[in-house]
Amino acid sequence: MTVVIREQDLEALVVGVTLLGSGGGGDTGAFGRMLRRRLGAGELVLRDASDVPGALVSPIGVVGATSVLMEKLPSGGEFDTAVRAVSRWAGADVTGLMSLEAGGLNGLTPLIAALDLGLPVVDADLMGRAMPRLDQFSWAVAGRSLTPCALSDPSGQVIVVDNVDAGGLERAVRSFVAHTGGWAVLALAPTPVDAAVADAVQGSLTRALALGRAHAGLEPGATPAALADGLGGRLLASGRVEEVARHLIADGGAAFGRGSVCVVDSSSRAVIRIETENEYLLALVDGSPVVTTPDLLCVLDRRTLQPIAVDAIRTGDEVLVVALPGPAWWRRGDRITRVGPEAFGLACEPQLLEAS
């Protein structure tokens, strides 16, 4: 199904990719404003693979510290530089784009890049949500190489990485962004569109738009359960944030923020604890795990119903905690071992919502 994005759709799309971020994925607001300026009164089509037969598609997105990214937004030249570099190395021109991850700002990145470069966008990505590591791209989980690829930073520096596994690419990315501007555009190799989507989450941006439209239709005065149902999810709690704890852990030379959020439900007085890293990962009710990654845990401001990011939640916030089904792609075979709670060092079996 072909979906057309126009100016009036952007607010819903931004909210939708934010929900798919599960509390992470970076500041979608700034990228939403960039997309609005690029799009103007025009339109952008989200295409199925069958709409662009023969296209050579590059998954593209931003990697690195999203907090630094907000201080220096992309000029647009980074997309062109990365795409041209990986095309030269691969010996084939990129003729289409798709997203690295649909959750957070990278759900919007390929749309901005497509408008800048005049390329079509395929409605697929390599995560179906937001997650922090490159080895959690669906291509890597399916045993496919992520290289060759190109990295371009805000100053115009570019490197091409080839013949390394996902772990080696992660290290190369960390080293590059640590010595440049803190972030870079990553473009993977041009890939025949059918092969590109074969091991990808398809329809992820269409889902984001549908989520955003459902969110826009919510009535703030509705019951918490009705609000969760309106998003197609399950209510875990409606109450006050009583405690937020944060600390850093070291992993392979990089530091990651770990933490937990405790919410006391206003009606049942149950205690909901949410374990966090870059995203909300695990929810426990009175000590019992109830929902885990790769399903989506979303925390909404009780008054405005806007999603609250992991790094923005504070003690005293009045919130709704809602669980949404994660991408079905991760439920097949042993894929969940790469993105379930144990992949983040949490000693817990995956707890997933019932598949619809």
Protein backbone atom coordinates (compact mmCIF):
# COMPACT_ATOMS: atom_id res chain seq x y z
CA MET A 1 0.00 0.00 0.00
CA THR A 2 1.39 3.39 -1.04
CA VAL A 3 1.08 6.13 1.59
CA VAL A 4 1.42 9.84 0.84
CA ILE A 5 2.83 12.17 3.50
CA ARG A 6 1.74 15.82 3.38
CA GLU A 7 2.21 18.74 5.75
CA GLN A 8 -0.98 17.92 7.68
CA ASP A 9 0.37 14.41 8.39
CA LEU A 10 3.65 15.46 9.95
CA GLU A 11 2.46 15.98 13.52
CA ALA A 12 0.96 12.48 13.61
CA LEU A 13 4.07 10.98 12.04
CA VAL A 14 6.35 12.66 14.59
CA VAL A 15 4.25 11.37 17.50
CA GLY A 16 4.14 7.92 15.93
CA VAL A 17 7.89 7.54 15.54
CA THR A 18 8.26 8.88 19.10
CA LEU A 19 5.98 6.11 20.39
CA LEU A 20 7.99 3.55 18.42
CA GLY A 21 11.05 4.95 20.17
CA SER A 22 9.82 3.47 23.48
CA GLY A 23 11.31 6.39 25.39
CA GLY A 24 14.47 6.59 23.26
CA GLY A 25 15.60 7.33 19.75
CA GLY A 26 16.41 11.02 20.25
CA ASP A 27 14.51 14.29 20.00
CA THR A 28 11.96 13.89 17.22
CA GLY A 29 10.71 17.47 17.58
CA ALA A 30 13.76 19.10 15.99
CA PHE A 31 13.81 16.61 13.11
CA GLY A 32 10.07 17.06 12.67
CA ARG A 33 10.64 20.79 12.18
CA MET A 34 13.43 20.07 9.69
CA LEU A 35 11.11 17.76 7.77
CA ARG A 36 8.34 20.35 7.77
CA ARG A 37 10.67 22.97 6.28
CA ARG A 38 11.93 20.57 3.59
CA LEU A 39 8.46 19.32 2.66
CA GLY A 40 6.63 22.65 2.59
CA ALA A 41 3.45 22.30 0.56
CA GLY A 42 4.77 19.25 -1.28
CA GLU A 43 4.30 15.57 -0.61
CA LEU A 44 6.38 12.48 0.02
CA VAL A 45 5.38 8.93 -0.90
CA LEU A 46 6.17 5.91 1.28
CA ARG A 47 6.65 3.14 -1.24
CA ASP A 48 6.40 -0.62 -1.09
CA ALA A 49 9.29 -2.58 -2.56
CA SER A 50 7.03 -3.53 -5.47
CA ASP A 51 6.64 0.17 -6.35
CA VAL A 52 10.36 0.56 -7.10
CA PRO A 53 11.49 -2.65 -8.84
CA GLY A 54 15.19 -2.62 -9.57
CA ALA A 55 15.96 0.12 -7.03
CA LEU A 56 19.23 -0.08 -5.10
CA VAL A 57 18.27 0.92 -1.58
CA SER A 58 20.50 2.29 1.18
CA PRO A 59 19.31 2.18 4.79
CA ILE A 60 20.30 5.55 6.25
CA GLY A 61 20.19 7.24 9.63
CA VAL A 62 22.06 9.09 12.36
CA VAL A 63 24.37 7.34 14.83
CA GLY A 64 26.11 8.66 17.91
CA ALA A 65 25.03 10.93 20.75
CA THR A 66 21.60 12.38 20.01
CA SER A 67 22.04 14.92 22.81
CA VAL A 68 25.01 16.40 20.93
CA LEU A 69 23.05 16.18 17.70
CA MET A 70 20.51 18.65 19.05
CA GLU A 71 23.27 21.23 19.44
CA LYS A 72 24.33 20.89 15.79
CA LEU A 73 21.60 19.67 13.48
CA PRO A 74 22.43 18.15 10.09
CA SER A 75 22.87 20.62 7.26
CA GLY A 76 21.72 18.02 4.76
CA GLY A 77 25.12 17.73 3.15
CA GLU A 78 25.95 14.80 5.42
CA PHE A 79 23.34 12.63 3.70
CA ASP A 80 24.69 13.33 0.24
CA THR A 81 28.29 12.79 1.33
CA ALA A 82 27.58 9.43 2.95
CA VAL A 83 25.42 8.18 0.07
CA ARG A 84 27.97 9.21 -2.57
CA ALA A 85 30.83 7.60 -0.62
CA VAL A 86 29.13 4.23 -0.19
CA SER A 87 28.01 4.31 -3.84
CA ARG A 88 31.59 4.90 -5.04
CA TRP A 89 32.93 2.08 -2.89
CA ALA A 90 30.19 -0.36 -3.92
CA GLY A 91 30.45 0.61 -7.58
CA ALA A 92 26.69 1.21 -7.84
CA ASP A 93 24.54 4.27 -7.30
CA VAL A 94 22.00 4.43 -4.51
CA THR A 95 18.56 4.93 -6.11
CA GLY A 96 16.34 4.61 -3.02
CA LEU A 97 16.43 5.02 0.74
CA MET A 98 14.97 3.32 3.79
CA SER A 99 15.34 3.85 7.52
CA LEU A 100 17.86 2.23 9.83
CA GLU A 101 15.29 2.34 12.65
CA ALA A 102 11.69 3.50 12.63
CA GLY A 103 11.65 4.61 16.27
CA GLY A 104 12.71 8.12 17.25
CA LEU A 105 14.36 10.66 14.99
CA ASN A 106 15.70 8.01 12.61
CA GLY A 107 12.13 7.35 11.56
CA LEU A 108 12.24 10.84 10.03
CA THR A 109 15.85 10.88 8.82
CA PRO A 110 15.33 9.03 5.50
CA LEU A 111 12.42 11.33 4.66
CA ILE A 112 14.60 14.41 5.10
CA ALA A 113 17.40 12.76 3.13
CA ALA A 114 15.00 11.71 0.37
CA LEU A 115 13.78 15.28 -0.07
CA ASP A 116 17.36 16.56 -0.15
CA LEU A 117 18.57 13.92 -2.62
CA GLY A 118 15.45 13.47 -4.74
CA LEU A 119 15.21 9.73 -4.03
CA PRO A 120 12.22 7.50 -3.22
CA VAL A 121 11.66 6.12 0.29
CA VAL A 122 10.82 2.46 0.87
CA ASP A 123 8.55 1.85 3.86
CA ALA A 124 10.79 -0.52 5.80
CA ASP A 125 13.52 -0.37 8.42
CA LEU A 126 15.98 -2.59 10.29
CA MET A 127 14.40 -2.49 13.77
CA GLY A 128 10.71 -1.61 13.69
CA ARG A 129 11.31 0.52 16.80
CA ALA A 130 14.37 2.11 18.45
CA MET A 131 17.23 0.11 19.93
CA PRO A 132 20.75 1.17 20.85
CA ARG A 133 23.16 -1.21 19.08
CA LEU A 134 24.11 -1.90 15.48
CA ASP A 135 24.13 -5.67 16.06
CA GLN A 136 20.39 -5.29 16.72
CA PHE A 137 19.73 -4.32 13.09
CA SER A 138 17.59 -7.01 11.50
CA TRP A 139 20.18 -7.52 8.76
CA ALA A 140 22.82 -8.36 11.38
CA VAL A 141 20.45 -10.66 13.28
CA ALA A 142 19.68 -12.46 10.01
CA GLY A 143 23.40 -13.05 9.49
CA ARG A 144 23.89 -10.42 6.81
CA SER A 145 26.82 -8.02 6.64
CA LEU A 146 26.34 -4.34 7.46
CA THR A 147 29.39 -3.39 5.39
CA PRO A 148 30.46 -1.74 3.24
CA CYS A 149 28.99 1.43 4.68
CA ALA A 150 29.92 5.08 4.92
CA LEU A 151 29.97 7.58 7.78
CA SER A 152 29.81 11.34 7.27
CA ASP A 153 30.17 13.91 10.03
CA PRO A 154 29.04 17.59 10.22
CA SER A 155 32.47 18.91 9.22
CA GLY A 156 32.50 16.97 5.95
CA GLN A 157 34.79 14.14 7.02
CA VAL A 158 33.81 10.77 5.61
CA ILE A 159 35.05 7.22 6.13
CA VAL A 160 34.09 3.94 4.51
CA VAL A 161 34.10 0.78 6.62
CA ASP A 162 34.28 -2.67 5.06
CA ASN A 163 34.99 -6.30 5.94
CA VAL A 164 34.08 -6.09 9.64
CA ASP A 165 31.26 -7.69 11.58
CA ALA A 166 28.57 -5.76 13.44
CA GLY A 167 30.73 -5.55 16.57
CA GLY A 168 33.66 -4.17 14.59
CA LEU A 169 31.40 -1.63 12.92
CA GLU A 170 30.06 -0.56 16.32
CA ARG A 171 33.62 0.08 17.50
CA ALA A 172 34.47 1.99 14.32
CA VAL A 173 31.38 4.17 14.68
CA ARG A 174 32.12 4.93 18.32
CA SER A 175 35.70 5.89 17.50
CA PHE A 176 34.69 8.08 14.57
CA VAL A 177 31.96 10.04 16.37
CA ALA A 178 34.11 10.42 19.51
CA HIS A 179 36.70 12.33 17.47
CA THR A 180 34.36 14.34 15.27
CA GLY A 181 31.13 16.07 16.25
CA GLY A 182 29.63 13.35 18.45
CA TRP A 183 27.36 12.06 15.71
CA ALA A 184 27.44 11.02 12.06
CA VAL A 185 25.19 9.93 9.21
CA LEU A 186 25.49 6.21 8.47
CA ALA A 187 24.57 4.90 5.01
CA LEU A 188 24.66 1.17 4.27
CA ALA A 189 25.53 -0.26 0.87
CA PRO A 190 23.13 0.02 -2.07
CA THR A 191 21.13 -3.22 -2.04
CA PRO A 192 18.52 -4.56 -4.48
CA VAL A 193 15.19 -3.57 -2.99
CA ASP A 194 13.80 -7.10 -2.72
CA ALA A 195 16.89 -8.22 -0.81
CA ALA A 196 16.85 -5.06 1.32
CA VAL A 197 13.32 -5.68 2.62
CA ALA A 198 13.60 -9.48 2.85
CA ASP A 199 15.24 -9.20 6.28
CA ALA A 200 13.63 -5.92 7.34
CA VAL A 201 10.54 -4.77 9.21
CA GLN A 202 8.14 -3.72 6.49
CA GLY A 203 5.46 -1.05 6.84
CA SER A 204 7.04 0.49 9.93
CA LEU A 205 6.53 4.13 8.93
CA THR A 206 2.93 3.41 7.95
CA ARG A 207 2.48 1.97 11.43
CA ALA A 208 4.03 5.09 12.95
CA LEU A 209 1.59 7.29 11.04
CA ALA A 210 -1.37 5.14 12.16
CA LEU A 211 -0.18 5.32 15.78
CA GLY A 212 0.15 9.07 15.57
CA ARG A 213 -3.32 9.44 14.12
CA ALA A 214 -4.74 7.21 16.85
CA HIS A 215 -2.95 9.36 19.42
CA ALA A 216 -4.43 12.53 17.89
CA GLY A 217 -7.88 11.03 18.33
CA LEU A 218 -7.50 10.40 22.06
CA GLU A 219 -9.76 12.32 24.44
CA PRO A 220 -7.80 13.58 27.47
CA GLY A 221 -10.87 13.13 29.65
CA ALA A 222 -11.23 9.45 28.79
CA THR A 223 -10.37 6.75 31.31
CA PRO A 224 -6.76 5.55 31.35
CA ALA A 225 -7.83 2.13 30.08
CA ALA A 226 -9.74 3.72 27.18
CA LEU A 227 -6.70 5.83 26.27
CA ALA A 228 -4.47 2.74 26.17
CA ASP A 229 -7.08 0.88 24.14
CA GLY A 230 -7.24 3.78 21.68
CA LEU A 231 -3.56 3.22 20.93
CA GLY A 232 -4.07 -0.51 20.56
CA GLY A 233 -2.17 -1.20 23.76
CA ARG A 234 -2.50 -2.31 27.38
CA LEU A 235 -2.59 0.00 30.38
CA LEU A 236 0.01 -0.86 33.02
CA ALA A 237 -0.44 2.11 35.33
CA SER A 238 -1.91 5.55 35.79
CA GLY A 239 -0.23 7.40 38.61
CA ARG A 240 2.66 9.43 39.92
CA VAL A 241 6.37 8.91 39.36
CA GLU A 242 7.75 8.41 42.87
CA GLU A 243 11.39 7.74 42.08
CA VAL A 244 13.83 8.01 39.19
CA ALA A 245 17.28 6.44 39.60
CA ARG A 246 20.07 6.78 37.04
CA HIS A 247 23.65 5.53 36.80
CA LEU A 248 26.29 4.79 34.16
CA ILE A 249 27.65 1.38 33.20
CA ALA A 250 30.72 0.69 31.07
CA ASP A 251 30.50 -1.71 28.14
CA GLY A 252 33.40 -2.19 25.75
CA GLY A 253 34.81 1.25 26.42
CA ALA A 254 31.46 3.01 26.03
CA ALA A 255 29.26 4.30 28.83
CA PHE A 256 25.53 3.66 28.82
CA GLY A 257 22.93 5.20 31.08
CA ARG A 258 21.02 2.65 33.14
CA GLY A 259 18.18 3.40 35.48
CA SER A 260 14.75 2.66 36.83
CA VAL A 261 11.50 4.54 37.19
CA CYS A 262 8.95 3.75 39.90
CA VAL A 263 5.30 4.67 39.39
CA VAL A 264 2.55 4.11 41.98
CA ASP A 265 -0.83 3.47 40.41
CA SER A 266 -3.43 5.92 41.71
CA SER A 267 -6.22 3.35 41.90
CA SER A 268 -4.68 0.00 42.84
CA ARG A 269 -1.60 1.40 44.63
CA ALA A 270 0.44 -1.18 42.74
CA VAL A 271 4.10 -0.29 42.24
CA ILE A 272 5.29 -0.35 38.64
CA ARG A 273 9.04 -0.36 38.16
CA ILE A 274 10.43 0.27 34.69
CA GLU A 275 14.03 -0.67 33.94
CA THR A 276 15.66 1.66 31.43
CA GLU A 277 18.74 2.09 29.27
CA ASN A 278 18.39 4.30 26.22
CA GLU A 279 14.78 3.04 26.04
CA TYR A 280 12.21 1.63 28.45
CA LEU A 281 13.10 -2.08 28.55
CA LEU A 282 11.16 -3.93 31.23
CA ALA A 283 8.07 -3.27 33.36
CA LEU A 284 7.41 -5.05 36.63
CA VAL A 285 4.18 -4.79 38.62
CA ASP A 286 4.72 -5.42 42.33
CA GLY A 287 7.96 -7.20 41.46
CA SER A 288 6.62 -9.45 38.70
CA PRO A 289 7.71 -8.87 35.09
CA VAL A 290 4.74 -8.11 32.85
CA VAL A 291 6.10 -6.57 29.61
CA THR A 292 9.59 -6.49 28.13
CA THR A 293 11.42 -5.41 25.01
CA PRO A 294 10.96 -5.89 22.04
CA ASP A 295 7.40 -4.84 22.90
CA LEU A 296 7.07 -1.09 23.35
CA LEU A 297 6.81 0.57 26.74
CA CYS A 298 5.52 4.13 26.46
CA VAL A 299 5.17 6.67 29.25
CA LEU A 300 2.71 9.47 28.52
CA ASP A 301 2.11 12.72 30.37
CA ARG A 302 -1.29 12.27 32.00
CA ARG A 303 -2.44 15.80 31.16
CA THR A 304 -1.09 16.32 27.63
CA LEU A 305 -0.79 12.64 26.63
CA GLN A 306 2.59 13.43 25.04
CA PRO A 307 5.27 10.70 25.23
CA ILE A 308 7.99 11.27 27.83
CA ALA A 309 11.54 10.21 26.98
CA VAL A 310 13.73 8.18 29.32
CA ASP A 311 16.06 11.12 29.87
CA ALA A 312 13.19 13.57 30.46
CA ILE A 313 11.07 11.76 33.05
CA ARG A 314 11.13 13.27 36.53
CA THR A 315 9.88 12.51 40.02
CA GLY A 316 6.40 13.92 40.50
CA ASP A 317 5.28 13.48 36.89
CA GLU A 318 1.70 12.25 36.54
CA VAL A 319 1.84 9.59 33.87
CA LEU A 320 0.20 6.76 32.01
CA VAL A 321 2.32 3.66 31.40
CA VAL A 322 1.14 1.88 28.25
CA ALA A 323 2.50 -1.23 26.53
CA LEU A 324 2.17 -1.59 22.76
CA PRO A 325 2.94 -4.67 20.66
CA GLY A 326 6.43 -4.67 19.22
CA PRO A 327 7.29 -5.62 15.64
CA ALA A 328 6.21 -9.15 14.75
CA TRP A 329 9.58 -9.67 13.00
CA TRP A 330 11.27 -10.18 16.37
CA ARG A 331 8.88 -12.94 17.48
CA ARG A 332 10.08 -15.44 14.88
CA GLY A 333 12.64 -18.11 15.72
CA ASP A 334 15.39 -17.12 18.11
CA ARG A 335 15.57 -13.48 17.00
CA ILE A 336 14.23 -12.30 20.35
CA THR A 337 17.43 -13.39 22.07
CA ARG A 338 19.16 -10.42 20.42
CA VAL A 339 16.66 -7.82 21.59
CA GLY A 340 14.96 -9.32 24.64
CA PRO A 341 15.77 -8.31 28.24
CA GLU A 342 18.75 -10.65 28.54
CA ALA A 343 20.42 -8.84 25.62
CA PHE A 344 20.54 -5.83 27.95
CA GLY A 345 21.83 -7.75 30.97
CA LEU A 346 18.41 -8.10 32.61
CA ALA A 347 17.84 -11.56 34.09
CA CYS A 348 14.30 -12.01 32.84
CA GLU A 349 12.55 -14.07 30.20
CA PRO A 350 10.76 -12.06 27.50
CA GLN A 351 7.21 -11.09 28.45
CA LEU A 352 5.26 -10.14 25.37
CA LEU A 353 1.71 -8.97 24.78
CA GLU A 354 -0.56 -11.47 23.09
CA ALA A 355 -0.20 -11.31 19.33
CA SER A 356 -3.31 -9.92 17.65
